Amino acid sequence: MSADNDPVTVLSEDESWSLLSSMSLGRLVTILDGELEIFPVNFATQRRTVLFRTAHGTKLYSAVMGDRVAFEADDHTVAEGWSVIIKGRAHLLSATAEILDAEEAQLLPWTATLKPFYVRVIAMEITGRRFKFGPEPDRQSTSA
């Protein structure tokens, strides 16, 4: 099978950021008291970071107080899909210059709630995969 026909393709860092930048909804994964937490968030990318807004609560606390976070976004059509995962650290923006910079992303809350805090996820690692959909291969031909 040629590389063009491979059902899974590893994306470059540039491709991963490009695809991630095309989306506005992703999932933030944190750990709180040893338990995994996952939160859907609307987001924007800004200079190869992920930016989201939030209010007081578990999402904010677990994101910025934890050692690491993960962030994932994906999309698909009938024929193919992709997924990009970031592993990194989340930082609450508190300096005026940081907040003014974040406001340039024009990231608005989707829900009619006050979300006064900006959080920036700085990637330590980014991985992406593109998937071509199709039938499962015959088990007899793959076990030889």
N, C-alpha and C. Protein backbone atom coordinates (compact mmCIF):
# COMPACT_ATOMS: atom_id res chain seq x y z
N MET A 1 0.85 -1.18 0.00
CA MET A 1 0.00 0.00 0.00
C MET A 1 0.89 1.24 0.00
N SER A 2 0.63 2.19 -0.91
CA SER A 2 1.44 3.40 -0.99
C SER A 2 1.08 4.36 0.12
N ALA A 3 1.97 5.33 0.33
CA ALA A 3 1.73 6.32 1.38
C ALA A 3 0.45 7.10 1.10
N ASP A 4 0.11 7.32 -0.18
CA ASP A 4 -1.11 8.04 -0.54
C ASP A 4 -2.36 7.29 -0.13
N ASN A 5 -2.25 5.97 -0.01
CA ASN A 5 -3.41 5.15 0.34
C ASN A 5 -3.46 4.79 1.81
N ASP A 6 -2.46 5.21 2.59
CA ASP A 6 -2.46 4.90 4.02
C ASP A 6 -3.70 5.51 4.67
N PRO A 7 -4.39 4.74 5.51
CA PRO A 7 -5.59 5.27 6.14
C PRO A 7 -5.30 6.30 7.24
N VAL A 8 -4.07 6.31 7.76
CA VAL A 8 -3.70 7.27 8.80
C VAL A 8 -2.42 7.98 8.37
N THR A 9 -2.44 9.31 8.41
CA THR A 9 -1.28 10.11 8.05
C THR A 9 -0.91 10.98 9.24
N VAL A 10 0.36 10.97 9.62
CA VAL A 10 0.85 11.85 10.69
C VAL A 10 1.05 13.24 10.08
N LEU A 11 0.50 14.24 10.73
CA LEU A 11 0.60 15.61 10.24
C LEU A 11 1.83 16.31 10.80
N SER A 12 2.35 17.24 10.04
CA SER A 12 3.47 18.05 10.53
C SER A 12 2.95 19.04 11.56
N GLU A 13 3.85 19.67 12.26
CA GLU A 13 3.47 20.68 13.25
C GLU A 13 2.72 21.83 12.57
N ASP A 14 3.22 22.28 11.40
CA ASP A 14 2.55 23.36 10.68
C ASP A 14 1.15 22.96 10.25
N GLU A 15 0.99 21.74 9.71
CA GLU A 15 -0.34 21.26 9.31
C GLU A 15 -1.27 21.18 10.51
N SER A 16 -0.74 20.70 11.63
CA SER A 16 -1.56 20.58 12.84
C SER A 16 -2.06 21.94 13.30
N TRP A 17 -1.19 22.93 13.35
CA TRP A 17 -1.60 24.27 13.76
C TRP A 17 -2.59 24.88 12.77
N SER A 18 -2.38 24.64 11.49
CA SER A 18 -3.29 25.15 10.47
C SER A 18 -4.69 24.59 10.65
N LEU A 19 -4.80 23.28 10.84
CA LEU A 19 -6.11 22.67 11.06
C LEU A 19 -6.73 23.14 12.36
N LEU A 20 -5.94 23.20 13.41
CA LEU A 20 -6.45 23.66 14.70
C LEU A 20 -6.99 25.09 14.59
N SER A 21 -6.29 25.92 13.83
CA SER A 21 -6.70 27.32 13.66
C SER A 21 -8.00 27.46 12.88
N SER A 22 -8.39 26.40 12.17
CA SER A 22 -9.62 26.45 11.38
C SER A 22 -10.86 26.14 12.22
N MET A 23 -10.68 25.76 13.46
CA MET A 23 -11.79 25.34 14.31
C MET A 23 -12.04 26.36 15.42
N SER A 24 -13.20 26.24 16.04
CA SER A 24 -13.52 27.14 17.16
C SER A 24 -14.05 26.39 18.38
N LEU A 25 -14.19 25.07 18.28
CA LEU A 25 -14.65 24.28 19.42
C LEU A 25 -13.69 23.12 19.63
N GLY A 26 -13.24 22.97 20.87
CA GLY A 26 -12.33 21.88 21.21
C GLY A 26 -12.64 21.37 22.61
N ARG A 27 -11.77 20.49 23.10
CA ARG A 27 -11.95 19.90 24.41
C ARG A 27 -10.67 20.09 25.22
N LEU A 28 -10.85 20.63 26.42
CA LEU A 28 -9.75 20.82 27.37
C LEU A 28 -9.79 19.68 28.37
N VAL A 29 -8.66 19.03 28.58
CA VAL A 29 -8.56 17.93 29.53
C VAL A 29 -7.63 18.37 30.66
N THR A 30 -8.12 18.23 31.90
CA THR A 30 -7.34 18.60 33.08
C THR A 30 -7.40 17.44 34.08
N ILE A 31 -6.63 17.58 35.13
CA ILE A 31 -6.69 16.62 36.23
C ILE A 31 -6.97 17.42 37.50
N LEU A 32 -7.99 16.98 38.25
CA LEU A 32 -8.36 17.63 39.50
C LEU A 32 -8.51 16.55 40.56
N ASP A 33 -7.71 16.64 41.60
CA ASP A 33 -7.73 15.64 42.68
C ASP A 33 -7.55 14.22 42.13
N GLY A 34 -6.66 14.08 41.15
CA GLY A 34 -6.36 12.77 40.58
C GLY A 34 -7.39 12.26 39.60
N GLU A 35 -8.43 13.04 39.34
CA GLU A 35 -9.48 12.63 38.41
C GLU A 35 -9.41 13.45 37.13
N LEU A 36 -9.59 12.79 35.99
CA LEU A 36 -9.62 13.50 34.72
C LEU A 36 -10.91 14.29 34.60
N GLU A 37 -10.80 15.48 34.07
CA GLU A 37 -11.95 16.34 33.77
C GLU A 37 -11.83 16.74 32.31
N ILE A 38 -12.95 16.83 31.62
CA ILE A 38 -12.94 17.27 30.23
C ILE A 38 -14.02 18.32 30.03
N PHE A 39 -13.64 19.40 29.33
CA PHE A 39 -14.54 20.53 29.16
C PHE A 39 -14.56 20.94 27.69
N PRO A 40 -15.74 21.04 27.10
CA PRO A 40 -15.80 21.64 25.76
C PRO A 40 -15.60 23.14 25.90
N VAL A 41 -14.77 23.72 25.04
CA VAL A 41 -14.53 25.16 25.08
C VAL A 41 -14.47 25.71 23.67
N ASN A 42 -15.03 26.92 23.50
CA ASN A 42 -14.75 27.61 22.25
C ASN A 42 -13.42 28.31 22.44
N PHE A 43 -12.64 28.39 21.37
CA PHE A 43 -11.27 28.84 21.50
C PHE A 43 -10.83 29.56 20.23
N ALA A 44 -9.67 30.18 20.33
CA ALA A 44 -8.98 30.75 19.17
C ALA A 44 -7.51 30.39 19.32
N THR A 45 -6.83 30.30 18.19
CA THR A 45 -5.38 30.15 18.26
C THR A 45 -4.76 31.53 18.07
N GLN A 46 -3.65 31.73 18.74
CA GLN A 46 -2.95 33.00 18.64
C GLN A 46 -1.46 32.71 18.79
N ARG A 47 -0.71 32.92 17.71
CA ARG A 47 0.74 32.68 17.71
C ARG A 47 1.09 31.31 18.31
N ARG A 48 0.47 30.29 17.77
CA ARG A 48 0.73 28.90 18.17
C ARG A 48 0.48 28.63 19.65
N THR A 49 -0.55 29.27 20.16
CA THR A 49 -1.08 28.95 21.48
C THR A 49 -2.59 28.83 21.33
N VAL A 50 -3.23 28.22 22.31
CA VAL A 50 -4.69 28.12 22.34
C VAL A 50 -5.20 29.06 23.42
N LEU A 51 -6.19 29.84 23.07
CA LEU A 51 -6.74 30.84 23.97
C LEU A 51 -8.21 30.56 24.19
N PHE A 52 -8.64 30.53 25.46
CA PHE A 52 -10.07 30.42 25.75
C PHE A 52 -10.43 31.31 26.92
N ARG A 53 -11.74 31.56 27.06
CA ARG A 53 -12.24 32.38 28.15
C ARG A 53 -13.07 31.50 29.07
N THR A 54 -13.10 31.88 30.34
CA THR A 54 -13.87 31.11 31.30
C THR A 54 -14.23 31.98 32.50
N ALA A 55 -15.03 31.42 33.37
CA ALA A 55 -15.43 32.07 34.62
C ALA A 55 -14.76 31.32 35.78
N HIS A 56 -15.03 31.76 37.00
CA HIS A 56 -14.57 31.02 38.17
C HIS A 56 -15.17 29.61 38.11
N GLY A 57 -14.42 28.64 38.60
CA GLY A 57 -14.99 27.30 38.66
C GLY A 57 -13.94 26.22 38.42
N THR A 58 -14.42 25.01 38.27
CA THR A 58 -13.56 23.84 38.14
C THR A 58 -12.65 23.93 36.93
N LYS A 59 -13.17 24.40 35.79
CA LYS A 59 -12.36 24.49 34.57
C LYS A 59 -11.16 25.39 34.78
N LEU A 60 -11.42 26.58 35.30
CA LEU A 60 -10.33 27.53 35.54
C LEU A 60 -9.35 26.99 36.56
N TYR A 61 -9.86 26.53 37.68
CA TYR A 61 -8.99 26.05 38.75
C TYR A 61 -8.13 24.88 38.30
N SER A 62 -8.75 23.87 37.71
CA SER A 62 -7.99 22.67 37.33
C SER A 62 -7.02 22.94 36.19
N ALA A 63 -7.37 23.89 35.32
CA ALA A 63 -6.47 24.20 34.20
C ALA A 63 -5.21 24.90 34.67
N VAL A 64 -5.37 25.92 35.48
CA VAL A 64 -4.20 26.73 35.84
C VAL A 64 -3.46 26.23 37.07
N MET A 65 -4.11 25.43 37.91
CA MET A 65 -3.44 24.92 39.10
C MET A 65 -2.75 23.58 38.83
N GLY A 66 -3.15 22.91 37.78
CA GLY A 66 -2.54 21.63 37.46
C GLY A 66 -1.20 21.80 36.78
N ASP A 67 -0.46 20.72 36.75
CA ASP A 67 0.87 20.73 36.14
C ASP A 67 0.79 20.75 34.62
N ARG A 68 -0.18 20.00 34.06
CA ARG A 68 -0.29 19.88 32.60
C ARG A 68 -1.76 19.80 32.21
N VAL A 69 -2.02 20.16 30.96
CA VAL A 69 -3.34 20.00 30.36
C VAL A 69 -3.16 19.37 28.99
N ALA A 70 -4.25 18.87 28.47
CA ALA A 70 -4.29 18.44 27.07
C ALA A 70 -5.45 19.18 26.42
N PHE A 71 -5.33 19.38 25.12
CA PHE A 71 -6.38 20.05 24.36
C PHE A 71 -6.52 19.33 23.05
N GLU A 72 -7.77 19.08 22.63
CA GLU A 72 -8.01 18.34 21.39
C GLU A 72 -9.11 19.01 20.60
N ALA A 73 -8.92 19.05 19.29
CA ALA A 73 -9.97 19.47 18.36
C ALA A 73 -9.90 18.55 17.16
N ASP A 74 -11.03 18.37 16.50
CA ASP A 74 -11.09 17.49 15.35
C ASP A 74 -12.20 17.92 14.42
N ASP A 75 -12.23 17.32 13.26
CA ASP A 75 -13.29 17.56 12.30
C ASP A 75 -13.33 16.39 11.33
N HIS A 76 -14.42 16.27 10.60
CA HIS A 76 -14.52 15.18 9.63
C HIS A 76 -15.53 15.50 8.54
N THR A 77 -15.37 14.79 7.43
CA THR A 77 -16.34 14.78 6.34
C THR A 77 -16.77 13.32 6.20
N VAL A 78 -17.51 13.03 5.16
CA VAL A 78 -17.91 11.64 4.91
C VAL A 78 -16.69 10.78 4.58
N ALA A 79 -15.68 11.37 3.94
CA ALA A 79 -14.54 10.60 3.44
C ALA A 79 -13.33 10.57 4.36
N GLU A 80 -13.15 11.61 5.18
CA GLU A 80 -11.95 11.68 6.00
C GLU A 80 -12.18 12.51 7.24
N GLY A 81 -11.22 12.44 8.15
CA GLY A 81 -11.26 13.23 9.36
C GLY A 81 -9.86 13.54 9.82
N TRP A 82 -9.77 14.35 10.85
CA TRP A 82 -8.47 14.66 11.44
C TRP A 82 -8.66 14.96 12.92
N SER A 83 -7.56 14.87 13.66
CA SER A 83 -7.54 15.17 15.08
C SER A 83 -6.19 15.77 15.42
N VAL A 84 -6.20 16.84 16.21
CA VAL A 84 -4.97 17.47 16.69
C VAL A 84 -5.03 17.51 18.21
N ILE A 85 -3.94 17.10 18.84
CA ILE A 85 -3.85 17.07 20.30
C ILE A 85 -2.64 17.90 20.74
N ILE A 86 -2.88 18.75 21.71
CA ILE A 86 -1.80 19.53 22.33
C ILE A 86 -1.63 19.04 23.76
N LYS A 87 -0.41 18.91 24.18
CA LYS A 87 -0.10 18.69 25.59
C LYS A 87 0.76 19.88 26.02
N GLY A 88 0.38 20.49 27.13
CA GLY A 88 1.12 21.67 27.55
C GLY A 88 0.68 22.17 28.90
N ARG A 89 0.86 23.48 29.08
CA ARG A 89 0.52 24.12 30.35
C ARG A 89 -0.45 25.27 30.08
N ALA A 90 -1.35 25.47 31.03
CA ALA A 90 -2.32 26.56 30.93
C ALA A 90 -1.92 27.68 31.88
N HIS A 91 -2.05 28.90 31.40
CA HIS A 91 -1.69 30.07 32.20
C HIS A 91 -2.84 31.07 32.22
N LEU A 92 -3.23 31.49 33.41
CA LEU A 92 -4.22 32.55 33.56
C LEU A 92 -3.55 33.87 33.19
N LEU A 93 -4.14 34.61 32.28
CA LEU A 93 -3.57 35.90 31.89
C LEU A 93 -3.99 36.95 32.91
N SER A 94 -3.01 37.63 33.47
CA SER A 94 -3.32 38.61 34.51
C SER A 94 -2.72 39.98 34.24
N ALA A 95 -1.63 40.05 33.51
CA ALA A 95 -1.02 41.34 33.21
C ALA A 95 -1.87 42.06 32.16
N THR A 96 -1.98 43.36 32.28
CA THR A 96 -2.78 44.15 31.36
C THR A 96 -2.37 43.92 29.91
N ALA A 97 -1.07 43.89 29.65
CA ALA A 97 -0.59 43.70 28.27
C ALA A 97 -1.01 42.33 27.73
N GLU A 98 -0.98 41.29 28.57
CA GLU A 98 -1.41 39.95 28.15
C GLU A 98 -2.89 39.94 27.81
N ILE A 99 -3.69 40.59 28.62
CA ILE A 99 -5.14 40.63 28.40
C ILE A 99 -5.47 41.43 27.15
N LEU A 100 -4.82 42.57 26.97
CA LEU A 100 -5.06 43.36 25.76
C LEU A 100 -4.67 42.57 24.51
N ASP A 101 -3.58 41.84 24.59
CA ASP A 101 -3.15 41.00 23.48
C ASP A 101 -4.21 39.92 23.20
N ALA A 102 -4.70 39.28 24.24
CA ALA A 102 -5.71 38.23 24.08
C ALA A 102 -7.01 38.80 23.50
N GLU A 103 -7.37 40.01 23.87
CA GLU A 103 -8.60 40.62 23.36
C GLU A 103 -8.54 40.84 21.85
N GLU A 104 -7.34 40.93 21.29
CA GLU A 104 -7.21 41.09 19.84
C GLU A 104 -7.69 39.85 19.08
N ALA A 105 -7.77 38.72 19.76
CA ALA A 105 -8.28 37.49 19.12
C ALA A 105 -9.79 37.55 18.93
N GLN A 106 -10.45 38.52 19.53
CA GLN A 106 -11.90 38.71 19.44
C GLN A 106 -12.66 37.42 19.75
N LEU A 107 -12.25 36.79 20.82
CA LEU A 107 -12.86 35.54 21.28
C LEU A 107 -14.04 35.87 22.18
N LEU A 108 -15.24 35.58 21.70
CA LEU A 108 -16.45 35.88 22.45
C LEU A 108 -17.05 34.61 23.02
N PRO A 109 -17.62 34.68 24.23
CA PRO A 109 -18.29 33.50 24.79
C PRO A 109 -19.47 33.09 23.90
N TRP A 110 -19.70 31.80 23.78
CA TRP A 110 -20.83 31.29 23.03
C TRP A 110 -22.12 31.36 23.84
N THR A 111 -21.98 31.17 25.15
CA THR A 111 -23.16 31.20 26.00
C THR A 111 -23.29 32.60 26.62
N ALA A 112 -24.50 32.93 27.00
CA ALA A 112 -24.78 34.26 27.57
C ALA A 112 -24.39 34.28 29.05
N THR A 113 -23.11 34.05 29.30
CA THR A 113 -22.58 34.10 30.66
C THR A 113 -21.32 34.95 30.67
N LEU A 114 -21.03 35.52 31.80
CA LEU A 114 -19.83 36.32 31.95
C LEU A 114 -18.62 35.40 32.06
N LYS A 115 -17.65 35.60 31.21
CA LYS A 115 -16.40 34.83 31.25
C LYS A 115 -15.24 35.82 31.27
N PRO A 116 -14.90 36.31 32.45
CA PRO A 116 -13.93 37.40 32.54
C PRO A 116 -12.46 36.99 32.44
N PHE A 117 -12.18 35.68 32.48
CA PHE A 117 -10.78 35.25 32.53
C PHE A 117 -10.33 34.67 31.19
N TYR A 118 -9.15 35.09 30.78
CA TYR A 118 -8.49 34.51 29.61
C TYR A 118 -7.47 33.49 30.09
N VAL A 119 -7.45 32.34 29.44
CA VAL A 119 -6.46 31.31 29.73
C VAL A 119 -5.76 30.97 28.42
N ARG A 120 -4.44 30.90 28.48
CA ARG A 120 -3.64 30.56 27.30
C ARG A 120 -2.97 29.20 27.55
N VAL A 121 -3.15 28.29 26.61
CA VAL A 121 -2.48 26.99 26.67
C VAL A 121 -1.24 27.07 25.79
N ILE A 122 -0.11 26.87 26.40
CA ILE A 122 1.17 26.88 25.69
C ILE A 122 1.57 25.43 25.43
N ALA A 123 1.69 25.11 24.16
CA ALA A 123 1.96 23.73 23.76
C ALA A 123 3.41 23.35 24.05
N MET A 124 3.57 22.22 24.69
CA MET A 124 4.89 21.61 24.84
C MET A 124 5.05 20.53 23.76
N GLU A 125 3.90 20.04 23.28
CA GLU A 125 3.89 19.01 22.25
C GLU A 125 2.58 19.15 21.47
N ILE A 126 2.66 19.00 20.15
CA ILE A 126 1.46 18.98 19.32
C ILE A 126 1.57 17.81 18.35
N THR A 127 0.50 17.04 18.25
CA THR A 127 0.47 15.92 17.31
C THR A 127 -0.84 15.98 16.55
N GLY A 128 -0.79 15.55 15.32
CA GLY A 128 -1.98 15.54 14.49
C GLY A 128 -2.01 14.32 13.60
N ARG A 129 -3.20 13.86 13.31
CA ARG A 129 -3.41 12.71 12.42
C ARG A 129 -4.57 13.03 11.49
N ARG A 130 -4.43 12.58 10.24
CA ARG A 130 -5.52 12.64 9.27
C ARG A 130 -5.93 11.19 9.00
N PHE A 131 -7.23 10.96 8.92
CA PHE A 131 -7.77 9.62 8.75
C PHE A 131 -8.60 9.55 7.48
N LYS A 132 -8.33 8.54 6.64
CA LYS A 132 -9.19 8.26 5.48
C LYS A 132 -10.13 7.15 5.89
N PHE A 133 -11.42 7.39 5.73
CA PHE A 133 -12.43 6.42 6.13
C PHE A 133 -12.61 5.38 5.04
N GLY A 134 -12.95 4.20 5.44
CA GLY A 134 -13.22 3.12 4.50
C GLY A 134 -13.49 1.84 5.25
N PRO A 135 -13.76 0.78 4.50
CA PRO A 135 -14.06 -0.49 5.15
C PRO A 135 -12.82 -1.08 5.83
N GLU A 136 -13.07 -1.87 6.85
CA GLU A 136 -11.99 -2.56 7.54
C GLU A 136 -11.36 -3.56 6.57
N PRO A 137 -10.02 -3.67 6.55
CA PRO A 137 -9.38 -4.64 5.66
C PRO A 137 -9.76 -6.08 6.05
N ASP A 138 -9.67 -6.95 5.09
CA ASP A 138 -9.95 -8.37 5.33
C ASP A 138 -8.93 -8.88 6.35
N ARG A 139 -9.39 -9.52 7.40
CA ARG A 139 -8.49 -10.01 8.46
C ARG A 139 -7.55 -11.08 7.94
N GLN A 140 -7.96 -11.84 6.98
CA GLN A 140 -7.10 -12.91 6.43
C GLN A 140 -5.87 -12.33 5.75
N SER A 141 -6.05 -11.20 5.04
CA SER A 141 -4.93 -10.63 4.29
C SER A 141 -3.97 -9.86 5.19
N THR A 142 -4.40 -9.45 6.37
CA THR A 142 -3.53 -8.67 7.25
C THR A 142 -2.81 -9.53 8.29
N SER A 143 -3.17 -10.81 8.42
CA SER A 143 -2.55 -11.61 9.46
C SER A 143 -1.37 -12.44 8.94
N ALA A 144 -1.07 -12.33 7.67
CA ALA A 144 0.02 -13.13 7.09
C ALA A 144 1.36 -12.63 7.48
